[in-house]
N, C-alpha and C. Protein backbone atom coordinates (compact mmCIF):
# COMPACT_ATOMS: atom_id res chain seq x y z
N MET A 1 77.53 -123.91 -102.74
CA MET A 1 77.56 -125.35 -102.93
C MET A 1 76.23 -125.85 -103.48
N VAL A 2 75.13 -125.26 -103.04
CA VAL A 2 73.79 -125.62 -103.53
C VAL A 2 73.18 -124.37 -104.13
N ASP A 3 72.74 -124.48 -105.39
CA ASP A 3 72.11 -123.36 -106.07
C ASP A 3 70.77 -123.84 -106.63
N LEU A 4 69.71 -123.42 -105.99
CA LEU A 4 68.38 -123.90 -106.36
C LEU A 4 67.73 -123.08 -107.48
N SER A 5 68.51 -122.29 -108.21
CA SER A 5 67.94 -121.46 -109.28
C SER A 5 67.16 -122.29 -110.29
N PHE A 6 67.75 -123.40 -110.75
CA PHE A 6 67.07 -124.23 -111.73
C PHE A 6 65.78 -124.80 -111.14
N LEU A 7 65.86 -125.29 -109.92
CA LEU A 7 64.67 -125.87 -109.27
C LEU A 7 63.58 -124.81 -109.11
N LYS A 8 63.96 -123.61 -108.73
CA LYS A 8 62.98 -122.53 -108.58
C LYS A 8 62.29 -122.24 -109.90
N LYS A 9 63.09 -122.19 -110.97
CA LYS A 9 62.54 -121.92 -112.29
C LYS A 9 61.64 -123.08 -112.73
N PHE A 10 62.12 -124.29 -112.53
CA PHE A 10 61.39 -125.50 -112.95
C PHE A 10 60.05 -125.62 -112.23
N THR A 11 60.02 -125.28 -110.95
CA THR A 11 58.79 -125.40 -110.16
C THR A 11 57.99 -124.10 -110.13
N LYS A 12 58.46 -123.11 -110.88
CA LYS A 12 57.83 -121.78 -110.88
C LYS A 12 57.76 -121.22 -109.46
N ASP A 13 58.82 -121.50 -108.71
CA ASP A 13 58.98 -121.00 -107.34
C ASP A 13 57.86 -121.47 -106.39
N ASP A 14 57.29 -122.62 -106.69
CA ASP A 14 56.22 -123.19 -105.85
C ASP A 14 56.87 -123.96 -104.69
N PRO A 15 56.75 -123.46 -103.45
CA PRO A 15 57.40 -124.09 -102.31
C PRO A 15 57.01 -125.56 -102.12
N LYS A 16 55.76 -125.89 -102.38
CA LYS A 16 55.31 -127.27 -102.20
C LYS A 16 56.04 -128.20 -103.18
N LYS A 17 56.14 -127.79 -104.43
CA LYS A 17 56.84 -128.59 -105.43
C LYS A 17 58.34 -128.65 -105.12
N MET A 18 58.90 -127.54 -104.72
CA MET A 18 60.32 -127.52 -104.38
C MET A 18 60.61 -128.49 -103.23
N LYS A 19 59.75 -128.48 -102.22
CA LYS A 19 59.92 -129.40 -101.10
C LYS A 19 59.87 -130.86 -101.56
N ARG A 20 58.98 -131.14 -102.49
CA ARG A 20 58.85 -132.51 -102.99
C ARG A 20 60.15 -132.96 -103.66
N TYR A 21 60.72 -132.11 -104.51
CA TYR A 21 61.96 -132.48 -105.20
C TYR A 21 63.14 -132.56 -104.24
N ILE A 22 63.21 -131.65 -103.30
CA ILE A 22 64.29 -131.70 -102.31
C ILE A 22 64.17 -132.97 -101.47
N SER A 23 62.95 -133.30 -101.07
CA SER A 23 62.72 -134.54 -100.29
C SER A 23 63.15 -135.77 -101.07
N LEU A 24 62.82 -135.78 -102.34
CA LEU A 24 63.19 -136.91 -103.19
C LEU A 24 64.71 -137.06 -103.23
N TYR A 25 65.40 -135.95 -103.42
CA TYR A 25 66.86 -136.00 -103.45
C TYR A 25 67.42 -136.49 -102.11
N LEU A 26 66.89 -135.94 -101.03
CA LEU A 26 67.38 -136.31 -99.69
C LEU A 26 67.10 -137.77 -99.37
N ASP A 27 66.12 -138.34 -100.00
CA ASP A 27 65.82 -139.76 -99.82
C ASP A 27 66.72 -140.64 -100.69
N VAL A 28 66.89 -140.25 -101.93
CA VAL A 28 67.59 -141.09 -102.91
C VAL A 28 69.12 -141.01 -102.79
N ALA A 29 69.67 -139.83 -102.64
CA ALA A 29 71.13 -139.66 -102.67
C ALA A 29 71.86 -140.52 -101.63
N PRO A 30 71.48 -140.47 -100.36
CA PRO A 30 72.20 -141.29 -99.38
C PRO A 30 72.15 -142.79 -99.69
N LYS A 31 70.99 -143.26 -100.15
CA LYS A 31 70.85 -144.68 -100.50
C LYS A 31 71.75 -145.03 -101.68
N THR A 32 71.82 -144.13 -102.65
CA THR A 32 72.65 -144.39 -103.82
C THR A 32 74.13 -144.44 -103.43
N PHE A 33 74.53 -143.57 -102.51
CA PHE A 33 75.93 -143.60 -102.08
C PHE A 33 76.26 -144.86 -101.29
N VAL A 34 75.31 -145.39 -100.54
CA VAL A 34 75.53 -146.67 -99.85
C VAL A 34 75.76 -147.76 -100.90
N GLU A 35 74.93 -147.76 -101.94
CA GLU A 35 75.09 -148.74 -103.02
C GLU A 35 76.45 -148.57 -103.70
N MET A 36 76.84 -147.33 -103.93
CA MET A 36 78.12 -147.06 -104.61
C MET A 36 79.30 -147.56 -103.77
N GLN A 37 79.20 -147.40 -102.45
CA GLN A 37 80.26 -147.91 -101.58
C GLN A 37 80.34 -149.43 -101.66
N LEU A 38 79.20 -150.08 -101.74
CA LEU A 38 79.18 -151.54 -101.93
C LEU A 38 79.74 -151.92 -103.29
N ASN A 39 79.39 -151.15 -104.32
CA ASN A 39 79.94 -151.41 -105.65
C ASN A 39 81.46 -151.34 -105.62
N LEU A 40 81.98 -150.32 -104.95
CA LEU A 40 83.43 -150.15 -104.85
C LEU A 40 84.05 -151.34 -104.11
N LYS A 41 83.46 -151.67 -102.99
CA LYS A 41 83.97 -152.77 -102.16
C LYS A 41 83.99 -154.09 -102.94
N ASN A 42 82.95 -154.31 -103.74
CA ASN A 42 82.82 -155.56 -104.49
C ASN A 42 83.48 -155.53 -105.87
N GLY A 43 84.04 -154.37 -106.23
CA GLY A 43 84.67 -154.25 -107.54
C GLY A 43 83.67 -154.31 -108.68
N ASP A 44 82.43 -153.94 -108.40
CA ASP A 44 81.38 -153.93 -109.43
C ASP A 44 81.41 -152.57 -110.12
N TRP A 45 82.38 -152.41 -111.00
CA TRP A 45 82.66 -151.10 -111.61
C TRP A 45 81.52 -150.61 -112.48
N GLU A 46 80.92 -151.51 -113.25
CA GLU A 46 79.84 -151.07 -114.14
C GLU A 46 78.63 -150.58 -113.34
N GLN A 47 78.29 -151.25 -112.26
CA GLN A 47 77.18 -150.79 -111.44
C GLN A 47 77.53 -149.48 -110.73
N LEU A 48 78.79 -149.32 -110.36
CA LEU A 48 79.24 -148.06 -109.77
C LEU A 48 79.04 -146.93 -110.78
N ARG A 49 79.43 -147.19 -112.03
CA ARG A 49 79.26 -146.18 -113.08
C ARG A 49 77.78 -145.86 -113.28
N ILE A 50 76.94 -146.88 -113.30
CA ILE A 50 75.50 -146.69 -113.50
C ILE A 50 74.90 -145.86 -112.36
N ASN A 51 75.30 -146.17 -111.13
CA ASN A 51 74.79 -145.41 -109.98
C ASN A 51 75.25 -143.95 -110.03
N ALA A 52 76.50 -143.73 -110.40
CA ALA A 52 77.00 -142.36 -110.53
C ALA A 52 76.21 -141.63 -111.61
N HIS A 53 75.99 -142.31 -112.71
CA HIS A 53 75.26 -141.72 -113.83
C HIS A 53 73.82 -141.37 -113.42
N SER A 54 73.18 -142.23 -112.65
CA SER A 54 71.78 -141.99 -112.26
C SER A 54 71.66 -140.84 -111.26
N LEU A 55 72.69 -140.61 -110.47
CA LEU A 55 72.64 -139.54 -109.48
C LEU A 55 73.02 -138.18 -110.07
N LYS A 56 73.74 -138.21 -111.16
CA LYS A 56 74.24 -136.98 -111.78
C LYS A 56 73.14 -135.97 -112.10
N PRO A 57 72.05 -136.35 -112.78
CA PRO A 57 71.02 -135.35 -113.07
C PRO A 57 70.33 -134.81 -111.82
N GLN A 58 70.24 -135.63 -110.80
CA GLN A 58 69.63 -135.16 -109.55
C GLN A 58 70.50 -134.10 -108.88
N ALA A 59 71.81 -134.33 -108.90
CA ALA A 59 72.74 -133.34 -108.35
C ALA A 59 72.63 -132.04 -109.15
N ASP A 60 72.52 -132.19 -110.46
CA ASP A 60 72.39 -131.03 -111.34
C ASP A 60 71.10 -130.28 -111.03
N PHE A 61 70.03 -131.00 -110.84
CA PHE A 61 68.72 -130.43 -110.54
C PHE A 61 68.76 -129.61 -109.25
N MET A 62 69.52 -130.09 -108.27
CA MET A 62 69.64 -129.40 -106.98
C MET A 62 70.71 -128.31 -107.03
N GLY A 63 71.39 -128.19 -108.16
CA GLY A 63 72.41 -127.16 -108.30
C GLY A 63 73.68 -127.47 -107.52
N ILE A 64 73.98 -128.74 -107.36
CA ILE A 64 75.19 -129.15 -106.64
C ILE A 64 76.25 -129.50 -107.70
N ASN A 65 76.80 -128.46 -108.31
CA ASN A 65 77.69 -128.65 -109.45
C ASN A 65 78.97 -129.40 -109.09
N SER A 66 79.49 -129.16 -107.90
CA SER A 66 80.73 -129.85 -107.51
C SER A 66 80.49 -131.36 -107.39
N LEU A 67 79.32 -131.76 -106.95
CA LEU A 67 78.99 -133.18 -106.87
C LEU A 67 78.84 -133.77 -108.27
N LYS A 68 78.16 -133.04 -109.12
CA LYS A 68 77.98 -133.51 -110.50
C LYS A 68 79.35 -133.75 -111.15
N GLU A 69 80.28 -132.84 -110.93
CA GLU A 69 81.63 -132.98 -111.50
C GLU A 69 82.32 -134.24 -110.97
N GLU A 70 82.18 -134.53 -109.70
CA GLU A 70 82.79 -135.73 -109.12
C GLU A 70 82.15 -137.00 -109.68
N LEU A 71 80.85 -136.97 -109.88
CA LEU A 71 80.15 -138.13 -110.44
C LEU A 71 80.59 -138.39 -111.88
N VAL A 72 80.82 -137.32 -112.62
CA VAL A 72 81.36 -137.46 -113.99
C VAL A 72 82.75 -138.11 -113.93
N LYS A 73 83.57 -137.71 -112.96
CA LYS A 73 84.90 -138.31 -112.80
C LYS A 73 84.80 -139.81 -112.54
N ILE A 74 83.83 -140.21 -111.73
CA ILE A 74 83.63 -141.65 -111.45
C ILE A 74 83.26 -142.37 -112.74
N GLU A 75 82.32 -141.81 -113.47
CA GLU A 75 81.91 -142.42 -114.74
C GLU A 75 83.10 -142.58 -115.68
N GLU A 76 83.87 -141.51 -115.82
CA GLU A 76 85.02 -141.53 -116.73
C GLU A 76 86.09 -142.52 -116.27
N ALA A 77 86.31 -142.58 -114.97
CA ALA A 77 87.32 -143.50 -114.43
C ALA A 77 86.96 -144.95 -114.77
N VAL A 78 85.68 -145.26 -114.63
CA VAL A 78 85.24 -146.63 -114.95
C VAL A 78 85.34 -146.88 -116.46
N LYS A 79 84.87 -145.92 -117.26
CA LYS A 79 84.89 -146.08 -118.71
C LYS A 79 86.31 -146.29 -119.24
N THR A 80 87.27 -145.57 -118.65
CA THR A 80 88.65 -145.64 -119.15
C THR A 80 89.51 -146.62 -118.35
N ASN A 81 88.88 -147.30 -117.40
CA ASN A 81 89.58 -148.28 -116.55
C ASN A 81 90.75 -147.64 -115.78
N GLN A 82 90.56 -146.40 -115.36
CA GLN A 82 91.54 -145.67 -114.55
C GLN A 82 91.03 -145.65 -113.11
N LEU A 83 91.13 -146.78 -112.44
CA LEU A 83 90.45 -146.98 -111.16
C LEU A 83 91.30 -146.62 -109.94
N HIS A 84 92.55 -146.20 -110.14
CA HIS A 84 93.44 -145.96 -109.01
C HIS A 84 92.96 -144.85 -108.07
N ASP A 85 92.25 -143.85 -108.56
CA ASP A 85 91.78 -142.75 -107.70
C ASP A 85 90.29 -142.82 -107.39
N ILE A 86 89.64 -143.88 -107.82
CA ILE A 86 88.18 -143.92 -107.73
C ILE A 86 87.67 -143.90 -106.29
N GLU A 87 88.40 -144.52 -105.38
CA GLU A 87 87.97 -144.51 -103.97
C GLU A 87 88.02 -143.09 -103.41
N LYS A 88 89.07 -142.36 -103.74
CA LYS A 88 89.22 -140.98 -103.29
C LYS A 88 88.11 -140.10 -103.88
N ILE A 89 87.80 -140.32 -105.14
CA ILE A 89 86.74 -139.53 -105.80
C ILE A 89 85.39 -139.82 -105.15
N LEU A 90 85.14 -141.09 -104.86
CA LEU A 90 83.87 -141.45 -104.21
C LEU A 90 83.78 -140.84 -102.82
N LYS A 91 84.86 -140.89 -102.05
CA LYS A 91 84.85 -140.28 -100.71
C LYS A 91 84.58 -138.79 -100.80
N ASN A 92 85.19 -138.13 -101.77
CA ASN A 92 84.96 -136.70 -101.96
C ASN A 92 83.50 -136.43 -102.35
N SER A 93 82.95 -137.29 -103.20
CA SER A 93 81.54 -137.16 -103.61
C SER A 93 80.62 -137.27 -102.40
N ILE A 94 80.90 -138.23 -101.55
CA ILE A 94 80.08 -138.44 -100.35
C ILE A 94 80.18 -137.23 -99.42
N SER A 95 81.37 -136.70 -99.27
CA SER A 95 81.57 -135.52 -98.43
C SER A 95 80.76 -134.33 -98.97
N ILE A 96 80.84 -134.10 -100.27
CA ILE A 96 80.08 -133.00 -100.89
C ILE A 96 78.58 -133.24 -100.70
N SER A 97 78.15 -134.46 -100.90
CA SER A 97 76.74 -134.78 -100.75
C SER A 97 76.26 -134.55 -99.32
N ASN A 98 77.05 -134.99 -98.35
CA ASN A 98 76.67 -134.79 -96.94
C ASN A 98 76.53 -133.31 -96.61
N GLN A 99 77.48 -132.50 -97.06
CA GLN A 99 77.40 -131.06 -96.81
C GLN A 99 76.18 -130.47 -97.50
N SER A 100 75.93 -130.91 -98.73
CA SER A 100 74.80 -130.41 -99.51
C SER A 100 73.48 -130.80 -98.86
N GLU A 101 73.42 -132.01 -98.34
CA GLU A 101 72.19 -132.47 -97.68
C GLU A 101 71.86 -131.57 -96.49
N ASN A 102 72.86 -131.20 -95.71
CA ASN A 102 72.62 -130.30 -94.58
C ASN A 102 72.08 -128.95 -95.05
N ILE A 103 72.65 -128.43 -96.11
CA ILE A 103 72.19 -127.16 -96.67
C ILE A 103 70.77 -127.29 -97.19
N LEU A 104 70.50 -128.40 -97.91
CA LEU A 104 69.16 -128.61 -98.45
C LEU A 104 68.11 -128.75 -97.35
N LYS A 105 68.48 -129.40 -96.27
CA LYS A 105 67.54 -129.54 -95.13
C LYS A 105 67.20 -128.18 -94.57
N GLN A 106 68.19 -127.31 -94.46
CA GLN A 106 67.94 -125.95 -93.96
C GLN A 106 67.04 -125.19 -94.93
N MET A 107 67.33 -125.32 -96.23
CA MET A 107 66.51 -124.64 -97.23
C MET A 107 65.09 -125.18 -97.20
N PHE A 108 64.95 -126.49 -97.06
CA PHE A 108 63.65 -127.14 -97.00
C PHE A 108 62.83 -126.56 -95.85
N ASP A 109 63.46 -126.41 -94.69
CA ASP A 109 62.77 -125.89 -93.51
C ASP A 109 62.31 -124.44 -93.68
N LYS A 110 63.00 -123.70 -94.53
CA LYS A 110 62.66 -122.29 -94.76
C LYS A 110 61.55 -122.10 -95.80
N LEU A 111 61.27 -123.18 -96.54
CA LEU A 111 60.23 -123.06 -97.59
C LEU A 111 58.83 -123.06 -96.99
């Protein structure tokens, strides 16, 4: 679910730098998902798309490909006005993120 290969290569396997990037993700992702839930509740589709788009590279950076794929689905759903499954996609994204955060916390502690 989490593959830190890119992060290891990017940081030249420097544990201090890796911890910094993991911490940043662990700080930003939950807050972004809270915003996305509010966007959904308020029907603010464009802001939902923007939030999904902003989180996508961070998920990619952490090697959470399944989350990145779900965020792309959210972006596409908004772009094409296919909003009927968007709540389900967001819930799935949050579930993947929560699981990934637990894994990242464990990895962080081992660095």
